Amino acid sequence: MLGDRRDRIEHEGPVTVWRQLADDLAADVKAGRLARGSRLPRYTEIAESYGVSVDTVQRAMLALRKEGVVVVTVGRGTFVAK
């Protein structure tokens, strides 16, 4: 669903990888590329798309959840907030 996004992450940059990931996904939500209410891919798929670990994805999702960008429903998945 997301495609190859490895070029969007600067592993040696001053901004942490999880923050870059969170910012990139939030930008997609803001631009409408990820529609409100849509289900995000599994964390393993996101990790593969960005070339990061699942732990990094979990940290990014925790931040996005705290910021109100995504909603996590246990057993159903992670969704873009409406």
PDB file of N, CA and C in Angstrom:
ATOM      1  N   MET A   1       0.816  -1.200   0.000  1.00  0.00           N
ATOM      2  CA  MET A   1       0.000   0.000   0.000  1.00  0.00           C
ATOM      3  C   MET A   1       0.860   1.266   0.000  1.00  0.00           C
ATOM      4  N   LEU A   2       1.905   1.278   0.807  1.00  0.00           N
ATOM      5  CA  LEU A   2       2.733   2.474   0.901  1.00  0.00           C
ATOM      6  C   LEU A   2       3.827   2.518  -0.157  1.00  0.00           C
ATOM      7  N   GLY A   3       4.282   1.366  -0.606  1.00  0.00           N
ATOM      8  CA  GLY A   3       5.374   1.345  -1.563  1.00  0.00           C
ATOM      9  C   GLY A   3       6.706   1.586  -0.865  1.00  0.00           C
ATOM     10  N   ASP A   4       7.756   1.713  -1.654  1.00  0.00           N
ATOM     11  CA  ASP A   4       9.098   1.905  -1.102  1.00  0.00           C
ATOM     12  C   ASP A   4       9.275   3.359  -0.669  1.00  0.00           C
ATOM     13  N   ARG A   5       9.513   3.551   0.617  1.00  0.00           N
ATOM     14  CA  ARG A   5       9.684   4.887   1.172  1.00  0.00           C
ATOM     15  C   ARG A   5      11.015   5.031   1.892  1.00  0.00           C
ATOM     16  N   ARG A   6      11.952   4.169   1.574  1.00  0.00           N
ATOM     17  CA  ARG A   6      13.245   4.186   2.242  1.00  0.00           C
ATOM     18  C   ARG A   6      13.977   5.512   2.060  1.00  0.00           C
ATOM     19  N   ASP A   7      13.745   6.166   0.948  1.00  0.00           N
ATOM     20  CA  ASP A   7      14.432   7.429   0.676  1.00  0.00           C
ATOM     21  C   ASP A   7      13.889   8.592   1.512  1.00  0.00           C
ATOM     22  N   ARG A   8      12.822   8.383   2.241  1.00  0.00           N
ATOM     23  CA  ARG A   8      12.225   9.437   3.063  1.00  0.00           C
ATOM     24  C   ARG A   8      12.831   9.504   4.464  1.00  0.00           C
ATOM     25  N   ILE A   9      13.670   8.532   4.797  1.00  0.00           N
ATOM     26  CA  ILE A   9      14.269   8.463   6.127  1.00  0.00           C
ATOM     27  C   ILE A   9      15.770   8.703   6.026  1.00  0.00           C
ATOM     28  N   GLU A  10      16.246   9.648   6.806  1.00  0.00           N
ATOM     29  CA  GLU A  10      17.674   9.945   6.875  1.00  0.00           C
ATOM     30  C   GLU A  10      18.195   9.341   8.187  1.00  0.00           C
ATOM     31  N   HIS A  11      18.806   8.176   8.078  1.00  0.00           N
ATOM     32  CA  HIS A  11      19.232   7.435   9.267  1.00  0.00           C
ATOM     33  C   HIS A  11      20.335   8.128  10.053  1.00  0.00           C
ATOM     34  N   GLU A  12      21.125   8.925   9.406  1.00  0.00           N
ATOM     35  CA  GLU A  12      22.235   9.602  10.081  1.00  0.00           C
ATOM     36  C   GLU A  12      21.932  11.070  10.367  1.00  0.00           C
ATOM     37  N   GLY A  13      20.709  11.487  10.183  1.00  0.00           N
ATOM     38  CA  GLY A  13      20.339  12.888  10.361  1.00  0.00           C
ATOM     39  C   GLY A  13      20.152  13.268  11.822  1.00  0.00           C
ATOM     40  N   PRO A  14      19.911  14.545  12.064  1.00  0.00           N
ATOM     41  CA  PRO A  14      19.751  15.038  13.435  1.00  0.00           C
ATOM     42  C   PRO A  14      18.395  14.681  14.060  1.00  0.00           C
ATOM     43  N   VAL A  15      17.405  14.349  13.230  1.00  0.00           N
ATOM     44  CA  VAL A  15      16.070  14.014  13.728  1.00  0.00           C
ATOM     45  C   VAL A  15      15.980  12.496  13.857  1.00  0.00           C
ATOM     46  N   THR A  16      15.430  12.028  14.983  1.00  0.00           N
ATOM     47  CA  THR A  16      15.334  10.579  15.192  1.00  0.00           C
ATOM     48  C   THR A  16      14.511   9.930  14.083  1.00  0.00           C
ATOM     49  N   VAL A  17      14.798   8.671  13.820  1.00  0.00           N
ATOM     50  CA  VAL A  17      14.120   7.944  12.752  1.00  0.00           C
ATOM     51  C   VAL A  17      12.625   7.840  13.035  1.00  0.00           C
ATOM     52  N   TRP A  18      12.249   7.530  14.285  1.00  0.00           N
ATOM     53  CA  TRP A  18      10.819   7.404  14.596  1.00  0.00           C
ATOM     54  C   TRP A  18      10.092   8.721  14.380  1.00  0.00           C
ATOM     55  N   ARG A  19      10.740   9.858  14.669  1.00  0.00           N
ATOM     56  CA  ARG A  19      10.090  11.169  14.476  1.00  0.00           C
ATOM     57  C   ARG A  19       9.935  11.467  12.985  1.00  0.00           C
ATOM     58  N   GLN A  20      10.940  11.100  12.191  1.00  0.00           N
ATOM     59  CA  GLN A  20      10.842  11.286  10.738  1.00  0.00           C
ATOM     60  C   GLN A  20       9.685  10.472  10.173  1.00  0.00           C
ATOM     61  N   LEU A  21       9.558   9.239  10.641  1.00  0.00           N
ATOM     62  CA  LEU A  21       8.472   8.367  10.201  1.00  0.00           C
ATOM     63  C   LEU A  21       7.122   8.951  10.590  1.00  0.00           C
ATOM     64  N   ALA A  22       6.995   9.375  11.838  1.00  0.00           N
ATOM     65  CA  ALA A  22       5.741   9.976  12.305  1.00  0.00           C
ATOM     66  C   ALA A  22       5.404  11.220  11.496  1.00  0.00           C
ATOM     67  N   ASP A  23       6.388  12.064  11.256  1.00  0.00           N
ATOM     68  CA  ASP A  23       6.158  13.295  10.493  1.00  0.00           C
ATOM     69  C   ASP A  23       5.748  12.995   9.054  1.00  0.00           C
ATOM     70  N   ASP A  24       6.367  11.968   8.459  1.00  0.00           N
ATOM     71  CA  ASP A  24       6.038  11.618   7.076  1.00  0.00           C
ATOM     72  C   ASP A  24       4.603  11.107   6.977  1.00  0.00           C
ATOM     73  N   LEU A  25       4.209  10.249   7.899  1.00  0.00           N
ATOM     74  CA  LEU A  25       2.832   9.746   7.875  1.00  0.00           C
ATOM     75  C   LEU A  25       1.826  10.859   8.178  1.00  0.00           C
ATOM     76  N   ALA A  26       2.160  11.741   9.114  1.00  0.00           N
ATOM     77  CA  ALA A  26       1.272  12.866   9.426  1.00  0.00           C
ATOM     78  C   ALA A  26       1.121  13.788   8.210  1.00  0.00           C
ATOM     79  N   ALA A  27       2.196  13.979   7.465  1.00  0.00           N
ATOM     80  CA  ALA A  27       2.132  14.809   6.250  1.00  0.00           C
ATOM     81  C   ALA A  27       1.211  14.163   5.216  1.00  0.00           C
ATOM     82  N   ASP A  28       1.258  12.836   5.107  1.00  0.00           N
ATOM     83  CA  ASP A  28       0.363  12.132   4.178  1.00  0.00           C
ATOM     84  C   ASP A  28      -1.095  12.288   4.589  1.00  0.00           C
ATOM     85  N   VAL A  29      -1.346  12.278   5.887  1.00  0.00           N
ATOM     86  CA  VAL A  29      -2.716  12.487   6.373  1.00  0.00           C
ATOM     87  C   VAL A  29      -3.164  13.900   6.038  1.00  0.00           C
ATOM     88  N   LYS A  30      -2.323  14.871   6.336  1.00  0.00           N
ATOM     89  CA  LYS A  30      -2.670  16.277   6.087  1.00  0.00           C
ATOM     90  C   LYS A  30      -2.928  16.550   4.608  1.00  0.00           C
ATOM     91  N   ALA A  31      -2.144  15.899   3.749  1.00  0.00           N
ATOM     92  CA  ALA A  31      -2.287  16.102   2.301  1.00  0.00           C
ATOM     93  C   ALA A  31      -3.425  15.281   1.701  1.00  0.00           C
ATOM     94  N   GLY A  32      -4.026  14.385   2.504  1.00  0.00           N
ATOM     95  CA  GLY A  32      -5.122  13.569   1.999  1.00  0.00           C
ATOM     96  C   GLY A  32      -4.688  12.298   1.307  1.00  0.00           C
ATOM     97  N   ARG A  33      -3.386  12.001   1.319  1.00  0.00           N
ATOM     98  CA  ARG A  33      -2.910  10.758   0.711  1.00  0.00           C
ATOM     99  C   ARG A  33      -3.291   9.556   1.573  1.00  0.00           C
ATOM    100  N   LEU A  34      -3.468   9.783   2.867  1.00  0.00           N
ATOM    101  CA  LEU A  34      -4.023   8.776   3.777  1.00  0.00           C
ATOM    102  C   LEU A  34      -5.333   9.351   4.272  1.00  0.00           C
ATOM    103  N   ALA A  35      -6.425   8.783   3.803  1.00  0.00           N
ATOM    104  CA  ALA A  35      -7.756   9.329   4.083  1.00  0.00           C
ATOM    105  C   ALA A  35      -8.162   9.120   5.538  1.00  0.00           C
ATOM    106  N   ARG A  36      -8.890  10.069   6.052  1.00  0.00           N
ATOM    107  CA  ARG A  36      -9.414   9.973   7.413  1.00  0.00           C
ATOM    108  C   ARG A  36     -10.293   8.725   7.520  1.00  0.00           C
ATOM    109  N   GLY A  37     -10.098   7.973   8.589  1.00  0.00           N
ATOM    110  CA  GLY A  37     -10.855   6.748   8.795  1.00  0.00           C
ATOM    111  C   GLY A  37     -10.253   5.518   8.130  1.00  0.00           C
ATOM    112  N   SER A  38      -9.235   5.711   7.280  1.00  0.00           N
ATOM    113  CA  SER A  38      -8.643   4.561   6.595  1.00  0.00           C
ATOM    114  C   SER A  38      -7.720   3.781   7.534  1.00  0.00           C
ATOM    115  N   ARG A  39      -7.617   2.509   7.259  1.00  0.00           N
ATOM    116  CA  ARG A  39      -6.774   1.625   8.064  1.00  0.00           C
ATOM    117  C   ARG A  39      -5.357   1.668   7.518  1.00  0.00           C
ATOM    118  N   LEU A  40      -4.395   1.811   8.421  1.00  0.00           N
ATOM    119  CA  LEU A  40      -2.998   1.785   8.017  1.00  0.00           C
ATOM    120  C   LEU A  40      -2.535   0.342   7.848  1.00  0.00           C
ATOM    121  N   PRO A  41      -1.494   0.142   7.060  1.00  0.00           N
ATOM    122  CA  PRO A  41      -0.947  -1.214   6.920  1.00  0.00           C
ATOM    123  C   PRO A  41      -0.424  -1.720   8.272  1.00  0.00           C
ATOM    124  N   ARG A  42      -0.168  -3.011   8.347  1.00  0.00           N
ATOM    125  CA  ARG A  42       0.411  -3.596   9.552  1.00  0.00           C
ATOM    126  C   ARG A  42       1.785  -2.972   9.811  1.00  0.00           C
ATOM    127  N   TYR A  43       2.161  -2.947  11.071  1.00  0.00           N
ATOM    128  CA  TYR A  43       3.449  -2.352  11.441  1.00  0.00           C
ATOM    129  C   TYR A  43       4.611  -2.997  10.699  1.00  0.00           C
ATOM    130  N   THR A  44       4.536  -4.302  10.474  1.00  0.00           N
ATOM    131  CA  THR A  44       5.615  -4.975   9.745  1.00  0.00           C
ATOM    132  C   THR A  44       5.714  -4.470   8.307  1.00  0.00           C
ATOM    133  N   GLU A  45       4.577  -4.173   7.698  1.00  0.00           N
ATOM    134  CA  GLU A  45       4.566  -3.649   6.329  1.00  0.00           C
ATOM    135  C   GLU A  45       5.122  -2.221   6.289  1.00  0.00           C
ATOM    136  N   ILE A  46       4.745  -1.424   7.276  1.00  0.00           N
ATOM    137  CA  ILE A  46       5.272  -0.050   7.349  1.00  0.00           C
ATOM    138  C   ILE A  46       6.781  -0.096   7.540  1.00  0.00           C
ATOM    139  N   ALA A  47       7.236  -0.960   8.443  1.00  0.00           N
ATOM    140  CA  ALA A  47       8.672  -1.097   8.706  1.00  0.00           C
ATOM    141  C   ALA A  47       9.419  -1.463   7.434  1.00  0.00           C
ATOM    142  N   GLU A  48       8.873  -2.393   6.674  1.00  0.00           N
ATOM    143  CA  GLU A  48       9.509  -2.810   5.425  1.00  0.00           C
ATOM    144  C   GLU A  48       9.536  -1.668   4.409  1.00  0.00           C
ATOM    145  N   SER A  49       8.447  -0.919   4.306  1.00  0.00           N
ATOM    146  CA  SER A  49       8.373   0.192   3.354  1.00  0.00           C
ATOM    147  C   SER A  49       9.417   1.264   3.632  1.00  0.00           C
ATOM    148  N   TYR A  50       9.644   1.532   4.915  1.00  0.00           N
ATOM    149  CA  TYR A  50      10.577   2.598   5.312  1.00  0.00           C
ATOM    150  C   TYR A  50      11.989   2.087   5.603  1.00  0.00           C
ATOM    151  N   GLY A  51      12.168   0.771   5.656  1.00  0.00           N
ATOM    152  CA  GLY A  51      13.480   0.222   5.959  1.00  0.00           C
ATOM    153  C   GLY A  51      13.885   0.460   7.402  1.00  0.00           C
ATOM    154  N   VAL A  52      12.913   0.332   8.308  1.00  0.00           N
ATOM    155  CA  VAL A  52      13.167   0.542   9.729  1.00  0.00           C
ATOM    156  C   VAL A  52      12.665  -0.673  10.507  1.00  0.00           C
ATOM    157  N   SER A  53      12.913  -0.686  11.801  1.00  0.00           N
ATOM    158  CA  SER A  53      12.450  -1.803  12.631  1.00  0.00           C
ATOM    159  C   SER A  53      10.988  -1.606  13.032  1.00  0.00           C
ATOM    160  N   VAL A  54      10.356  -2.692  13.426  1.00  0.00           N
ATOM    161  CA  VAL A  54       8.982  -2.625  13.918  1.00  0.00           C
ATOM    162  C   VAL A  54       8.932  -1.785  15.197  1.00  0.00           C
ATOM    163  N   ASP A  55       9.971  -1.852  16.016  1.00  0.00           N
ATOM    164  CA  ASP A  55      10.034  -1.027  17.229  1.00  0.00           C
ATOM    165  C   ASP A  55       9.972   0.460  16.880  1.00  0.00           C
ATOM    166  N   THR A  56      10.637   0.842  15.811  1.00  0.00           N
ATOM    167  CA  THR A  56      10.613   2.240  15.358  1.00  0.00           C
ATOM    168  C   THR A  56       9.202   2.634  14.946  1.00  0.00           C
ATOM    169  N   VAL A  57       8.517   1.745  14.242  1.00  0.00           N
ATOM    170  CA  VAL A  57       7.135   2.007  13.823  1.00  0.00           C
ATOM    171  C   VAL A  57       6.241   2.152  15.056  1.00  0.00           C
ATOM    172  N   GLN A  58       6.415   1.273  16.033  1.00  0.00           N
ATOM    173  CA  GLN A  58       5.612   1.349  17.256  1.00  0.00           C
ATOM    174  C   GLN A  58       5.822   2.691  17.962  1.00  0.00           C
ATOM    175  N   ARG A  59       7.048   3.145  18.024  1.00  0.00           N
ATOM    176  CA  ARG A  59       7.348   4.435  18.673  1.00  0.00           C
ATOM    177  C   ARG A  59       6.689   5.582  17.902  1.00  0.00           C
ATOM    178  N   ALA A  60       6.753   5.538  16.581  1.00  0.00           N
ATOM    179  CA  ALA A  60       6.124   6.570  15.752  1.00  0.00           C
ATOM    180  C   ALA A  60       4.607   6.566  15.934  1.00  0.00           C
ATOM    181  N   MET A  61       4.018   5.384  15.981  1.00  0.00           N
ATOM    182  CA  MET A  61       2.566   5.283  16.148  1.00  0.00           C
ATOM    183  C   MET A  61       2.121   5.772  17.517  1.00  0.00           C
ATOM    184  N   LEU A  62       2.924   5.522  18.533  1.00  0.00           N
ATOM    185  CA  LEU A  62       2.606   6.032  19.867  1.00  0.00           C
ATOM    186  C   LEU A  62       2.570   7.557  19.842  1.00  0.00           C
ATOM    187  N   ALA A  63       3.543   8.161  19.175  1.00  0.00           N
ATOM    188  CA  ALA A  63       3.574   9.620  19.057  1.00  0.00           C
ATOM    189  C   ALA A  63       2.361  10.125  18.276  1.00  0.00           C
ATOM    190  N   LEU A  64       2.038   9.475  17.157  1.00  0.00           N
ATOM    191  CA  LEU A  64       0.897   9.897  16.341  1.00  0.00           C
ATOM    192  C   LEU A  64      -0.422   9.732  17.097  1.00  0.00           C
ATOM    193  N   ARG A  65      -0.481   8.689  17.919  1.00  0.00           N
ATOM    194  CA  ARG A  65      -1.680   8.493  18.743  1.00  0.00           C
ATOM    195  C   ARG A  65      -1.820   9.621  19.763  1.00  0.00           C
ATOM    196  N   LYS A  66      -0.740   9.974  20.420  1.00  0.00           N
ATOM    197  CA  LYS A  66      -0.753  11.065  21.398  1.00  0.00           C
ATOM    198  C   LYS A  66      -1.102  12.402  20.742  1.00  0.00           C
ATOM    199  N   GLU A  67      -0.717  12.553  19.479  1.00  0.00           N
ATOM    200  CA  GLU A  67      -0.984  13.789  18.735  1.00  0.00           C
ATOM    201  C   GLU A  67      -2.372  13.797  18.103  1.00  0.00           C
ATOM    202  N   GLY A  68      -3.106  12.690  18.220  1.00  0.00           N
ATOM    203  CA  GLY A  68      -4.451  12.618  17.681  1.00  0.00           C
ATOM    204  C   GLY A  68      -4.530  12.364  16.189  1.00  0.00           C
ATOM    205  N   VAL A  69      -3.445  11.899  15.594  1.00  0.00           N
ATOM    206  CA  VAL A  69      -3.412  11.638  14.156  1.00  0.00           C
ATOM    207  C   VAL A  69      -3.975  10.260  13.831  1.00  0.00           C
ATOM    208  N   VAL A  70      -3.701   9.286  14.705  1.00  0.00           N
ATOM    209  CA  VAL A  70      -4.200   7.933  14.496  1.00  0.00           C
ATOM    210  C   VAL A  70      -4.937   7.448  15.737  1.00  0.00           C
ATOM    211  N   VAL A  71      -5.758   6.431  15.516  1.00  0.00           N
ATOM    212  CA  VAL A  71      -6.490   5.761  16.590  1.00  0.00           C
ATOM    213  C   VAL A  71      -6.156   4.280  16.486  1.00  0.00           C
ATOM    214  N   VAL A  72      -5.763   3.681  17.599  1.00  0.00           N
ATOM    215  CA  VAL A  72      -5.439   2.259  17.623  1.00  0.00           C
ATOM    216  C   VAL A  72      -6.589   1.513  18.278  1.00  0.00           C
ATOM    217  N   THR A  73      -7.125   0.537  17.569  1.00  0.00           N
ATOM    218  CA  THR A  73      -8.194  -0.301  18.092  1.00  0.00           C
ATOM    219  C   THR A  73      -7.647  -1.714  18.222  1.00  0.00           C
ATOM    220  N   VAL A  74      -7.524  -2.189  19.449  1.00  0.00           N
ATOM    221  CA  VAL A  74      -6.957  -3.507  19.688  1.00  0.00           C
ATOM    222  C   VAL A  74      -7.763  -4.568  18.934  1.00  0.00           C
ATOM    223  N   GLY A  75      -7.038  -5.392  18.212  1.00  0.00           N
ATOM    224  CA  GLY A  75      -7.681  -6.467  17.459  1.00  0.00           C
ATOM    225  C   GLY A  75      -8.200  -6.053  16.089  1.00  0.00           C
ATOM    226  N   ARG A  76      -8.221  -4.759  15.811  1.00  0.00           N
ATOM    227  CA  ARG A  76      -8.722  -4.290  14.515  1.00  0.00           C
ATOM    228  C   ARG A  76      -7.641  -3.596  13.708  1.00  0.00           C
ATOM    229  N   GLY A  77      -6.781  -2.820  14.358  1.00  0.00           N
ATOM    230  CA  GLY A  77      -5.714  -2.144  13.642  1.00  0.00           C
ATOM    231  C   GLY A  77      -5.567  -0.685  14.022  1.00  0.00           C
ATOM    232  N   THR A  78      -4.771  -0.003  13.231  1.00  0.00           N
ATOM    233  CA  THR A  78      -4.494   1.414  13.424  1.00  0.00           C
ATOM    234  C   THR A  78      -5.168   2.183  12.287  1.00  0.00           C
ATOM    235  N   PHE A  79      -5.919   3.211  12.647  1.00  0.00           N
ATOM    236  CA  PHE A  79      -6.707   3.974  11.686  1.00  0.00           C
ATOM    237  C   PHE A  79      -6.353   5.446  11.755  1.00  0.00           C
ATOM    238  N   VAL A  80      -6.472   6.125  10.625  1.00  0.00           N
ATOM    239  CA  VAL A  80      -6.308   7.582  10.597  1.00  0.00           C
ATOM    240  C   VAL A  80      -7.504   8.164  11.334  1.00  0.00           C
ATOM    241  N   ALA A  81      -7.234   9.077  12.259  1.00  0.00           N
ATOM    242  CA  ALA A  81      -8.310   9.692  13.037  1.00  0.00           C
ATOM    243  C   ALA A  81      -9.243  10.465  12.119  1.00  0.00           C
ATOM    244  N   LYS A  82     -10.499  10.501  12.492  1.00  0.00           N
ATOM    245  CA  LYS A  82     -11.507  11.199  11.669  1.00  0.00           C
ATOM    246  C   LYS A  82     -11.559  12.659  11.987  1.00  0.00           C
TER     247      LYS A  82
END
